[in-house]
N, C-alpha and C. Protein backbone atom coordinates (compact mmCIF):
# COMPACT_ATOMS: atom_id res chain seq x y z
N MET A 1 -150.40 67.33 116.04
CA MET A 1 -149.57 67.53 117.22
C MET A 1 -150.47 67.56 118.46
N ASN A 2 -149.92 67.16 119.54
CA ASN A 2 -150.59 67.18 120.82
C ASN A 2 -150.96 68.63 121.19
N PRO A 3 -152.22 68.89 121.59
CA PRO A 3 -152.60 70.27 121.94
C PRO A 3 -151.78 70.85 123.09
N PHE A 4 -151.38 70.00 124.04
CA PHE A 4 -150.58 70.51 125.16
C PHE A 4 -149.17 70.87 124.70
N ALA A 5 -148.63 70.11 123.75
CA ALA A 5 -147.33 70.46 123.18
C ALA A 5 -147.42 71.77 122.41
N GLU A 6 -148.53 71.96 121.68
CA GLU A 6 -148.73 73.23 120.97
C GLU A 6 -148.85 74.39 121.94
N LEU A 7 -149.54 74.16 123.06
CA LEU A 7 -149.66 75.20 124.07
C LEU A 7 -148.29 75.58 124.63
N GLY A 8 -147.47 74.59 124.95
CA GLY A 8 -146.13 74.86 125.43
C GLY A 8 -145.28 75.58 124.38
N ASN A 9 -145.40 75.16 123.13
CA ASN A 9 -144.66 75.84 122.06
C ASN A 9 -145.13 77.28 121.90
N ALA A 10 -146.43 77.51 122.04
CA ALA A 10 -146.94 78.88 121.91
C ALA A 10 -146.44 79.76 123.05
N ALA A 11 -146.42 79.23 124.26
CA ALA A 11 -145.92 80.02 125.39
C ALA A 11 -144.44 80.37 125.19
N ILE A 12 -143.66 79.39 124.78
CA ILE A 12 -142.24 79.65 124.51
C ILE A 12 -142.09 80.58 123.31
N GLY A 13 -142.97 80.40 122.31
CA GLY A 13 -142.93 81.28 121.15
C GLY A 13 -143.19 82.73 121.50
N TRP A 14 -144.16 82.97 122.39
CA TRP A 14 -144.42 84.35 122.79
C TRP A 14 -143.26 84.92 123.61
N LEU A 15 -142.67 84.10 124.47
CA LEU A 15 -141.49 84.58 125.21
C LEU A 15 -140.34 84.90 124.26
N ASP A 16 -140.19 84.06 123.22
CA ASP A 16 -139.15 84.32 122.22
C ASP A 16 -139.46 85.57 121.41
N LEU A 17 -140.73 85.79 121.08
CA LEU A 17 -141.10 87.00 120.34
C LEU A 17 -140.82 88.25 121.16
N ILE A 18 -141.17 88.21 122.44
CA ILE A 18 -140.96 89.37 123.31
C ILE A 18 -139.46 89.64 123.46
N ALA A 19 -138.67 88.58 123.63
CA ALA A 19 -137.23 88.74 123.82
C ALA A 19 -136.46 88.87 122.50
N ALA A 20 -137.15 88.81 121.37
CA ALA A 20 -136.55 88.95 120.04
C ALA A 20 -135.50 87.86 119.78
N ARG A 21 -135.83 86.63 120.17
CA ARG A 21 -134.94 85.50 119.90
C ARG A 21 -135.27 84.91 118.54
N ASP A 22 -134.29 84.30 117.94
CA ASP A 22 -134.49 83.66 116.64
C ASP A 22 -135.36 82.42 116.79
N GLY A 23 -136.09 82.11 115.75
CA GLY A 23 -136.91 80.90 115.72
C GLY A 23 -138.25 81.02 116.40
N ALA A 24 -138.66 82.22 116.77
CA ALA A 24 -139.93 82.38 117.47
C ALA A 24 -141.11 82.05 116.57
N ALA A 25 -141.02 82.42 115.31
CA ALA A 25 -142.14 82.20 114.39
C ALA A 25 -142.40 80.71 114.18
N ALA A 26 -141.37 79.89 114.26
CA ALA A 26 -141.53 78.46 114.05
C ALA A 26 -142.26 77.78 115.20
N ARG A 27 -142.43 78.45 116.32
CA ARG A 27 -143.11 77.87 117.48
C ARG A 27 -144.62 77.80 117.31
N PHE A 28 -145.17 78.60 116.40
CA PHE A 28 -146.63 78.65 116.22
C PHE A 28 -147.01 77.75 115.06
N GLY A 29 -148.09 76.99 115.26
CA GLY A 29 -148.53 76.02 114.28
C GLY A 29 -148.93 76.65 112.96
N THR A 30 -148.80 75.87 111.89
CA THR A 30 -149.09 76.37 110.55
C THR A 30 -150.29 75.69 109.92
N THR A 31 -151.10 75.03 110.73
CA THR A 31 -152.26 74.33 110.18
C THR A 31 -153.55 74.88 110.78
N GLY A 32 -154.65 74.50 110.17
CA GLY A 32 -155.95 74.88 110.71
C GLY A 32 -156.20 74.26 112.07
N ARG A 33 -155.64 73.08 112.29
CA ARG A 33 -155.78 72.43 113.59
C ARG A 33 -155.10 73.25 114.69
N SER A 34 -153.99 73.89 114.36
CA SER A 34 -153.30 74.75 115.34
C SER A 34 -154.17 75.94 115.71
N VAL A 35 -154.83 76.52 114.73
CA VAL A 35 -155.73 77.64 114.99
C VAL A 35 -156.90 77.17 115.86
N ALA A 36 -157.45 76.00 115.54
CA ALA A 36 -158.56 75.45 116.33
C ALA A 36 -158.12 75.17 117.77
N ASN A 37 -156.92 74.64 117.95
CA ASN A 37 -156.41 74.40 119.30
C ASN A 37 -156.25 75.71 120.07
N ALA A 38 -155.76 76.74 119.40
CA ALA A 38 -155.58 78.03 120.06
C ALA A 38 -156.92 78.64 120.47
N ILE A 39 -157.90 78.56 119.58
CA ILE A 39 -159.23 79.09 119.90
C ILE A 39 -159.87 78.27 121.01
N GLY A 40 -159.69 76.95 120.97
CA GLY A 40 -160.21 76.10 122.04
C GLY A 40 -159.57 76.43 123.38
N PHE A 41 -158.25 76.65 123.38
CA PHE A 41 -157.57 77.02 124.61
C PHE A 41 -158.07 78.37 125.12
N PHE A 42 -158.34 79.30 124.20
CA PHE A 42 -158.89 80.59 124.60
C PHE A 42 -160.20 80.38 125.37
N PHE A 43 -161.10 79.57 124.83
CA PHE A 43 -162.39 79.37 125.50
C PHE A 43 -162.25 78.62 126.81
N VAL A 44 -161.35 77.65 126.88
CA VAL A 44 -161.10 76.95 128.15
C VAL A 44 -160.59 77.94 129.19
N THR A 45 -159.68 78.80 128.79
CA THR A 45 -159.13 79.80 129.71
C THR A 45 -160.20 80.78 130.15
N VAL A 46 -161.01 81.25 129.21
CA VAL A 46 -162.07 82.20 129.55
C VAL A 46 -163.06 81.58 130.53
N VAL A 47 -163.50 80.36 130.24
CA VAL A 47 -164.48 79.71 131.12
C VAL A 47 -163.87 79.49 132.50
N ALA A 48 -162.63 79.02 132.57
CA ALA A 48 -162.00 78.79 133.87
C ALA A 48 -161.87 80.10 134.65
N CYS A 49 -161.41 81.15 133.99
CA CYS A 49 -161.24 82.43 134.69
C CYS A 49 -162.58 83.00 135.14
N LEU A 50 -163.59 82.90 134.29
CA LEU A 50 -164.90 83.43 134.68
C LEU A 50 -165.54 82.60 135.79
N LEU A 51 -165.31 81.28 135.79
CA LEU A 51 -165.81 80.45 136.89
C LEU A 51 -165.15 80.82 138.20
N ILE A 52 -163.84 80.99 138.18
CA ILE A 52 -163.13 81.39 139.40
C ILE A 52 -163.62 82.75 139.88
N GLN A 53 -163.78 83.67 138.94
CA GLN A 53 -164.27 85.00 139.30
C GLN A 53 -165.67 84.92 139.88
N ALA A 54 -166.54 84.08 139.32
CA ALA A 54 -167.90 83.94 139.83
C ALA A 54 -167.90 83.30 141.21
N LEU A 55 -167.00 82.35 141.44
CA LEU A 55 -166.93 81.72 142.76
C LEU A 55 -166.43 82.69 143.82
N VAL A 56 -165.48 83.54 143.45
CA VAL A 56 -164.91 84.48 144.42
C VAL A 56 -165.85 85.66 144.67
N PHE A 57 -166.37 86.24 143.61
CA PHE A 57 -167.15 87.46 143.73
C PHE A 57 -168.66 87.24 143.66
N GLY A 58 -169.07 86.04 143.34
CA GLY A 58 -170.50 85.74 143.22
C GLY A 58 -171.00 85.96 141.81
N GLY A 59 -172.02 85.26 141.47
CA GLY A 59 -172.61 85.37 140.14
C GLY A 59 -173.49 84.17 139.86
N ASP A 60 -174.32 84.33 138.86
CA ASP A 60 -175.20 83.23 138.49
C ASP A 60 -174.79 82.66 137.12
N TRP A 61 -175.44 81.58 136.72
CA TRP A 61 -175.08 80.89 135.49
C TRP A 61 -175.40 81.73 134.26
N LEU A 62 -176.49 82.44 134.28
CA LEU A 62 -176.85 83.26 133.12
C LEU A 62 -175.79 84.34 132.88
N SER A 63 -175.35 84.98 133.94
CA SER A 63 -174.31 85.99 133.81
C SER A 63 -173.01 85.38 133.29
N LEU A 64 -172.73 84.16 133.69
CA LEU A 64 -171.52 83.49 133.21
C LEU A 64 -171.59 83.25 131.71
N TRP A 65 -172.73 82.76 131.23
CA TRP A 65 -172.87 82.51 129.79
C TRP A 65 -172.82 83.81 128.99
N ILE A 66 -173.41 84.86 129.52
CA ILE A 66 -173.36 86.16 128.84
C ILE A 66 -171.92 86.67 128.81
N ALA A 67 -171.20 86.51 129.90
CA ALA A 67 -169.80 86.95 129.95
C ALA A 67 -168.93 86.16 128.96
N ILE A 68 -169.20 84.87 128.81
CA ILE A 68 -168.45 84.07 127.84
C ILE A 68 -168.73 84.56 126.43
N ALA A 69 -169.99 84.85 126.13
CA ALA A 69 -170.32 85.36 124.79
C ALA A 69 -169.67 86.71 124.54
N ILE A 70 -169.67 87.57 125.53
CA ILE A 70 -169.05 88.89 125.36
C ILE A 70 -167.53 88.76 125.25
N ALA A 71 -166.94 87.81 125.96
CA ALA A 71 -165.49 87.60 125.89
C ALA A 71 -165.07 87.07 124.52
N ALA A 72 -165.97 86.41 123.82
CA ALA A 72 -165.65 85.89 122.49
C ALA A 72 -165.59 87.00 121.44
N LEU A 73 -166.23 88.12 121.70
CA LEU A 73 -166.27 89.19 120.70
C LEU A 73 -164.90 89.78 120.39
N PRO A 74 -164.06 90.12 121.40
CA PRO A 74 -162.73 90.61 121.04
C PRO A 74 -161.91 89.59 120.26
N LEU A 75 -162.05 88.31 120.60
CA LEU A 75 -161.36 87.28 119.84
C LEU A 75 -161.82 87.30 118.39
N LEU A 76 -163.11 87.39 118.19
CA LEU A 76 -163.66 87.44 116.83
C LEU A 76 -163.12 88.65 116.08
N GLY A 77 -163.09 89.81 116.73
CA GLY A 77 -162.58 91.01 116.08
C GLY A 77 -161.10 90.90 115.74
N ALA A 78 -160.31 90.41 116.68
CA ALA A 78 -158.86 90.30 116.44
C ALA A 78 -158.57 89.27 115.35
N LEU A 79 -159.31 88.16 115.34
CA LEU A 79 -159.09 87.16 114.30
C LEU A 79 -159.52 87.68 112.94
N ALA A 80 -160.60 88.46 112.89
CA ALA A 80 -161.04 89.03 111.61
C ALA A 80 -160.01 90.01 111.07
N VAL A 81 -159.51 90.89 111.94
CA VAL A 81 -158.48 91.84 111.51
C VAL A 81 -157.22 91.11 111.07
N THR A 82 -156.85 90.07 111.79
CA THR A 82 -155.65 89.30 111.44
C THR A 82 -155.83 88.59 110.12
N TRP A 83 -156.98 87.99 109.91
CA TRP A 83 -157.24 87.27 108.66
C TRP A 83 -157.21 88.23 107.47
N ILE A 84 -157.88 89.37 107.61
CA ILE A 84 -157.89 90.36 106.52
C ILE A 84 -156.49 90.90 106.28
N SER A 85 -155.77 91.22 107.35
CA SER A 85 -154.40 91.73 107.21
C SER A 85 -153.49 90.69 106.58
N ALA A 86 -153.63 89.45 106.99
CA ALA A 86 -152.80 88.40 106.41
C ALA A 86 -153.08 88.23 104.93
N THR A 87 -154.33 88.36 104.54
CA THR A 87 -154.68 88.23 103.13
C THR A 87 -154.14 89.41 102.32
N VAL A 88 -154.33 90.61 102.81
CA VAL A 88 -153.92 91.81 102.07
C VAL A 88 -152.41 91.96 102.06
N LEU A 89 -151.76 91.72 103.19
CA LEU A 89 -150.32 91.95 103.32
C LEU A 89 -149.48 90.73 102.99
N LYS A 90 -150.12 89.65 102.59
CA LYS A 90 -149.41 88.42 102.23
C LYS A 90 -148.60 87.86 103.39
N MET A 91 -149.20 87.90 104.59
CA MET A 91 -148.58 87.29 105.77
C MET A 91 -149.08 85.85 105.88
N PRO A 92 -148.35 84.98 106.56
CA PRO A 92 -148.85 83.61 106.78
C PRO A 92 -150.04 83.66 107.75
N ALA A 93 -151.20 83.25 107.29
CA ALA A 93 -152.42 83.42 108.07
C ALA A 93 -152.47 82.53 109.30
N GLN A 94 -152.22 81.23 109.16
CA GLN A 94 -152.39 80.32 110.29
C GLN A 94 -151.46 80.63 111.46
N PRO A 95 -150.17 80.87 111.26
CA PRO A 95 -149.34 81.21 112.43
C PRO A 95 -149.76 82.53 113.08
N MET A 96 -150.19 83.49 112.29
CA MET A 96 -150.64 84.77 112.85
C MET A 96 -151.91 84.57 113.67
N LEU A 97 -152.88 83.82 113.12
CA LEU A 97 -154.13 83.56 113.83
C LEU A 97 -153.87 82.80 115.12
N THR A 98 -152.98 81.81 115.05
CA THR A 98 -152.64 81.03 116.23
C THR A 98 -152.00 81.91 117.30
N ALA A 99 -151.07 82.75 116.88
CA ALA A 99 -150.38 83.61 117.84
C ALA A 99 -151.34 84.60 118.50
N VAL A 100 -152.25 85.17 117.73
CA VAL A 100 -153.20 86.14 118.28
C VAL A 100 -154.14 85.46 119.27
N ALA A 101 -154.65 84.29 118.93
CA ALA A 101 -155.57 83.58 119.84
C ALA A 101 -154.87 83.21 121.15
N TYR A 102 -153.62 82.75 121.06
CA TYR A 102 -152.90 82.41 122.28
C TYR A 102 -152.59 83.66 123.11
N ALA A 103 -152.26 84.77 122.45
CA ALA A 103 -151.99 86.00 123.20
C ALA A 103 -153.22 86.43 123.99
N LEU A 104 -154.39 86.36 123.36
CA LEU A 104 -155.62 86.72 124.07
C LEU A 104 -155.92 85.73 125.20
N ALA A 105 -155.63 84.47 124.96
CA ALA A 105 -155.87 83.46 126.00
C ALA A 105 -154.93 83.65 127.19
N PHE A 106 -153.67 84.00 126.93
CA PHE A 106 -152.72 84.21 128.02
C PHE A 106 -153.04 85.47 128.82
N ALA A 107 -153.77 86.41 128.23
CA ALA A 107 -154.12 87.66 128.93
C ALA A 107 -155.17 87.43 130.01
N TRP A 108 -156.05 86.46 129.83
CA TRP A 108 -157.14 86.24 130.79
C TRP A 108 -156.65 85.87 132.19
N PRO A 109 -155.74 84.90 132.34
CA PRO A 109 -155.25 84.61 133.70
C PRO A 109 -154.51 85.78 134.35
N LEU A 110 -153.81 86.57 133.53
CA LEU A 110 -153.13 87.75 134.09
C LEU A 110 -154.15 88.75 134.63
N ARG A 111 -155.21 88.94 133.88
CA ARG A 111 -156.25 89.87 134.33
C ARG A 111 -156.93 89.35 135.59
N LEU A 112 -157.20 88.05 135.65
CA LEU A 112 -157.83 87.47 136.83
C LEU A 112 -156.92 87.57 138.04
N ALA A 113 -155.62 87.29 137.86
CA ALA A 113 -154.69 87.37 138.98
C ALA A 113 -154.63 88.79 139.53
N ALA A 114 -154.61 89.78 138.66
CA ALA A 114 -154.60 91.17 139.13
C ALA A 114 -155.90 91.51 139.85
N LEU A 115 -157.00 90.97 139.36
CA LEU A 115 -158.29 91.24 139.99
C LEU A 115 -158.36 90.61 141.38
N LEU A 116 -157.84 89.41 141.50
CA LEU A 116 -157.90 88.72 142.79
C LEU A 116 -156.87 89.24 143.79
N LEU A 117 -155.66 89.49 143.33
CA LEU A 117 -154.59 89.89 144.23
C LEU A 117 -154.55 91.39 144.50
N LEU A 118 -154.75 92.18 143.48
CA LEU A 118 -154.64 93.63 143.63
C LEU A 118 -156.00 94.33 143.75
N ARG A 119 -157.06 93.58 143.50
CA ARG A 119 -158.42 94.13 143.53
C ARG A 119 -158.57 95.30 142.56
N THR A 120 -157.94 95.19 141.42
CA THR A 120 -158.06 96.21 140.39
C THR A 120 -158.08 95.54 139.02
N ASP A 121 -158.71 96.20 138.07
CA ASP A 121 -158.79 95.68 136.72
C ASP A 121 -157.66 96.29 135.89
N ILE A 122 -156.87 95.45 135.27
CA ILE A 122 -155.74 95.93 134.47
C ILE A 122 -156.04 95.83 132.99
N GLY A 123 -157.32 95.94 132.63
CA GLY A 123 -157.73 95.79 131.24
C GLY A 123 -157.04 96.75 130.29
N LEU A 124 -156.90 98.00 130.68
CA LEU A 124 -156.26 98.98 129.79
C LEU A 124 -154.77 98.68 129.63
N ALA A 125 -154.12 98.28 130.70
CA ALA A 125 -152.70 97.91 130.59
C ALA A 125 -152.54 96.68 129.70
N LEU A 126 -153.47 95.74 129.80
CA LEU A 126 -153.41 94.56 128.95
C LEU A 126 -153.63 94.91 127.49
N LEU A 127 -154.47 95.90 127.21
CA LEU A 127 -154.66 96.32 125.82
C LEU A 127 -153.35 96.86 125.25
N GLY A 128 -152.63 97.64 126.04
CA GLY A 128 -151.33 98.12 125.59
C GLY A 128 -150.34 96.99 125.37
N ALA A 129 -150.33 96.03 126.29
CA ALA A 129 -149.44 94.89 126.16
C ALA A 129 -149.81 94.04 124.94
N LEU A 130 -151.11 93.84 124.72
CA LEU A 130 -151.54 93.08 123.55
C LEU A 130 -151.18 93.81 122.26
N GLY A 131 -151.27 95.13 122.28
CA GLY A 131 -150.85 95.89 121.11
C GLY A 131 -149.39 95.65 120.78
N TYR A 132 -148.55 95.63 121.80
CA TYR A 132 -147.13 95.33 121.58
C TYR A 132 -146.94 93.90 121.08
N LEU A 133 -147.68 92.96 121.66
CA LEU A 133 -147.57 91.57 121.21
C LEU A 133 -148.01 91.41 119.76
N PHE A 134 -149.08 92.09 119.38
CA PHE A 134 -149.54 92.03 117.99
C PHE A 134 -148.49 92.64 117.05
N TYR A 135 -147.87 93.73 117.49
CA TYR A 135 -146.81 94.36 116.71
C TYR A 135 -145.65 93.38 116.51
N ARG A 136 -145.23 92.73 117.58
CA ARG A 136 -144.12 91.77 117.48
C ARG A 136 -144.49 90.60 116.58
N ALA A 137 -145.73 90.14 116.66
CA ALA A 137 -146.16 89.04 115.79
C ALA A 137 -146.11 89.45 114.33
N ALA A 138 -146.58 90.64 114.02
CA ALA A 138 -146.55 91.10 112.63
C ALA A 138 -145.12 91.30 112.14
N ARG A 139 -144.24 91.76 113.03
CA ARG A 139 -142.84 91.97 112.63
C ARG A 139 -142.13 90.64 112.38
N VAL A 140 -142.30 89.69 113.30
CA VAL A 140 -141.52 88.45 113.23
C VAL A 140 -142.23 87.39 112.39
N ILE A 141 -143.48 87.08 112.72
CA ILE A 141 -144.18 86.03 111.99
C ILE A 141 -144.60 86.51 110.61
N GLY A 142 -145.13 87.73 110.54
CA GLY A 142 -145.59 88.26 109.27
C GLY A 142 -144.51 88.90 108.43
N ALA A 143 -143.32 89.11 109.00
CA ALA A 143 -142.19 89.72 108.29
C ALA A 143 -142.57 91.07 107.69
N GLN A 144 -143.26 91.89 108.46
CA GLN A 144 -143.72 93.19 107.99
C GLN A 144 -142.76 94.29 108.46
N PRO A 145 -142.67 95.38 107.69
CA PRO A 145 -141.88 96.52 108.17
C PRO A 145 -142.53 97.16 109.40
N ARG A 146 -141.79 98.01 110.07
CA ARG A 146 -142.27 98.59 111.33
C ARG A 146 -143.60 99.31 111.18
N ALA A 147 -143.72 100.15 110.19
CA ALA A 147 -144.94 100.95 110.03
C ALA A 147 -146.15 100.06 109.78
N THR A 148 -146.00 99.06 108.95
CA THR A 148 -147.12 98.15 108.67
C THR A 148 -147.48 97.34 109.90
N ALA A 149 -146.47 96.86 110.62
CA ALA A 149 -146.73 96.09 111.84
C ALA A 149 -147.41 96.96 112.89
N MET A 150 -147.00 98.22 112.98
CA MET A 150 -147.61 99.14 113.93
C MET A 150 -149.07 99.41 113.56
N ALA A 151 -149.32 99.60 112.27
CA ALA A 151 -150.69 99.85 111.81
C ALA A 151 -151.57 98.63 112.09
N TYR A 152 -151.06 97.44 111.84
CA TYR A 152 -151.81 96.22 112.14
C TYR A 152 -152.14 96.13 113.63
N ALA A 153 -151.16 96.40 114.48
CA ALA A 153 -151.37 96.32 115.93
C ALA A 153 -152.42 97.33 116.38
N ILE A 154 -152.37 98.53 115.85
CA ILE A 154 -153.35 99.55 116.23
C ILE A 154 -154.76 99.14 115.81
N VAL A 155 -154.90 98.65 114.58
CA VAL A 155 -156.22 98.23 114.12
C VAL A 155 -156.72 97.02 114.91
N ALA A 156 -155.83 96.10 115.25
CA ALA A 156 -156.24 94.92 116.04
C ALA A 156 -156.71 95.33 117.43
N VAL A 157 -156.01 96.27 118.07
CA VAL A 157 -156.42 96.73 119.40
C VAL A 157 -157.74 97.49 119.31
N ILE A 158 -157.92 98.27 118.26
CA ILE A 158 -159.21 98.96 118.07
C ILE A 158 -160.33 97.93 117.93
N ALA A 159 -160.08 96.84 117.21
CA ALA A 159 -161.08 95.78 117.09
C ALA A 159 -161.37 95.14 118.44
N LEU A 160 -160.33 94.95 119.27
CA LEU A 160 -160.54 94.39 120.61
C LEU A 160 -161.46 95.27 121.44
N VAL A 161 -161.31 96.57 121.30
CA VAL A 161 -162.09 97.51 122.10
C VAL A 161 -163.50 97.66 121.54
N LEU A 162 -163.62 97.73 120.22
CA LEU A 162 -164.91 98.07 119.62
C LEU A 162 -165.91 96.91 119.55
N MET A 163 -165.44 95.68 119.51
CA MET A 163 -166.39 94.57 119.37
C MET A 163 -167.38 94.49 120.54
N PRO A 164 -166.95 94.56 121.80
CA PRO A 164 -167.95 94.54 122.88
C PRO A 164 -168.83 95.79 122.88
N PHE A 165 -168.27 96.95 122.49
CA PHE A 165 -169.08 98.16 122.45
C PHE A 165 -170.12 98.09 121.34
N ALA A 166 -169.80 97.41 120.25
CA ALA A 166 -170.79 97.25 119.18
C ALA A 166 -171.99 96.46 119.68
N LEU A 167 -171.74 95.43 120.47
CA LEU A 167 -172.84 94.66 121.05
C LEU A 167 -173.66 95.53 121.99
N TYR A 168 -172.98 96.33 122.79
CA TYR A 168 -173.67 97.22 123.71
C TYR A 168 -174.54 98.21 122.94
N MET A 169 -174.00 98.77 121.87
CA MET A 169 -174.77 99.74 121.09
C MET A 169 -175.97 99.09 120.43
N LEU A 170 -175.82 97.84 119.99
CA LEU A 170 -176.95 97.16 119.37
C LEU A 170 -178.06 96.87 120.37
N THR A 171 -177.68 96.51 121.58
CA THR A 171 -178.69 96.17 122.58
C THR A 171 -179.29 97.40 123.23
N ALA A 172 -178.55 98.52 123.23
CA ALA A 172 -179.03 99.73 123.89
C ALA A 172 -179.78 100.65 122.95
N SER A 173 -179.79 100.35 121.65
CA SER A 173 -180.47 101.25 120.72
C SER A 173 -181.97 101.00 120.74
N GLY A 174 -182.69 101.97 120.23
CA GLY A 174 -184.14 101.86 120.16
C GLY A 174 -184.80 103.01 120.87
N PRO A 175 -186.07 103.15 120.65
CA PRO A 175 -186.78 104.27 121.29
C PRO A 175 -186.92 104.06 122.79
N LEU A 176 -186.90 105.15 123.49
CA LEU A 176 -187.11 105.11 124.93
C LEU A 176 -188.60 105.04 125.22
N PRO A 177 -188.98 104.36 126.28
CA PRO A 177 -190.41 104.30 126.61
C PRO A 177 -190.89 105.68 127.10
N ASP A 178 -192.18 105.92 126.89
CA ASP A 178 -192.76 107.19 127.33
C ASP A 178 -192.74 107.26 128.84
N GLN A 179 -192.37 108.41 129.35
CA GLN A 179 -192.35 108.65 130.79
C GLN A 179 -193.63 109.39 131.17
N GLN A 180 -194.61 108.69 131.67
CA GLN A 180 -195.88 109.34 132.03
C GLN A 180 -196.12 109.29 133.50
């Protein structure tokens, strides 16, 4: 399928999931190519948003590459949690992975718009919104009961938060230099 058609289907699929309309699960691709398209769109969105942010607020190329690498960590964490949950809970893996990647990709422009227009970071509000989106995905696409979907959403949001902190802890660990 055309990647742009998949993108349009994913956007409509997320709107259908939020509004609890029928047929929302069918909007997300069921192949590995769909997952690859979603991950590719995530990186295109991240790079575009970080470039705009660097142009507006200033920044160098090294900082941009580091920011892209750090932005990939929450995606990696959410996809790992989704893959493990799909395997254990017998959910369809590809539509869940596709939906999660698109949800994270759609969050980046919202965060950038708030940063540019309101001059504030809405990262915590987006984490809450992503938690709800993950819950809806598990309920509709994964056909999970409420408690299981809620547990999946909580673990996925924890993974979103902890992956960048894990990198920080790895780089900040070690002995302190002697102060003489």
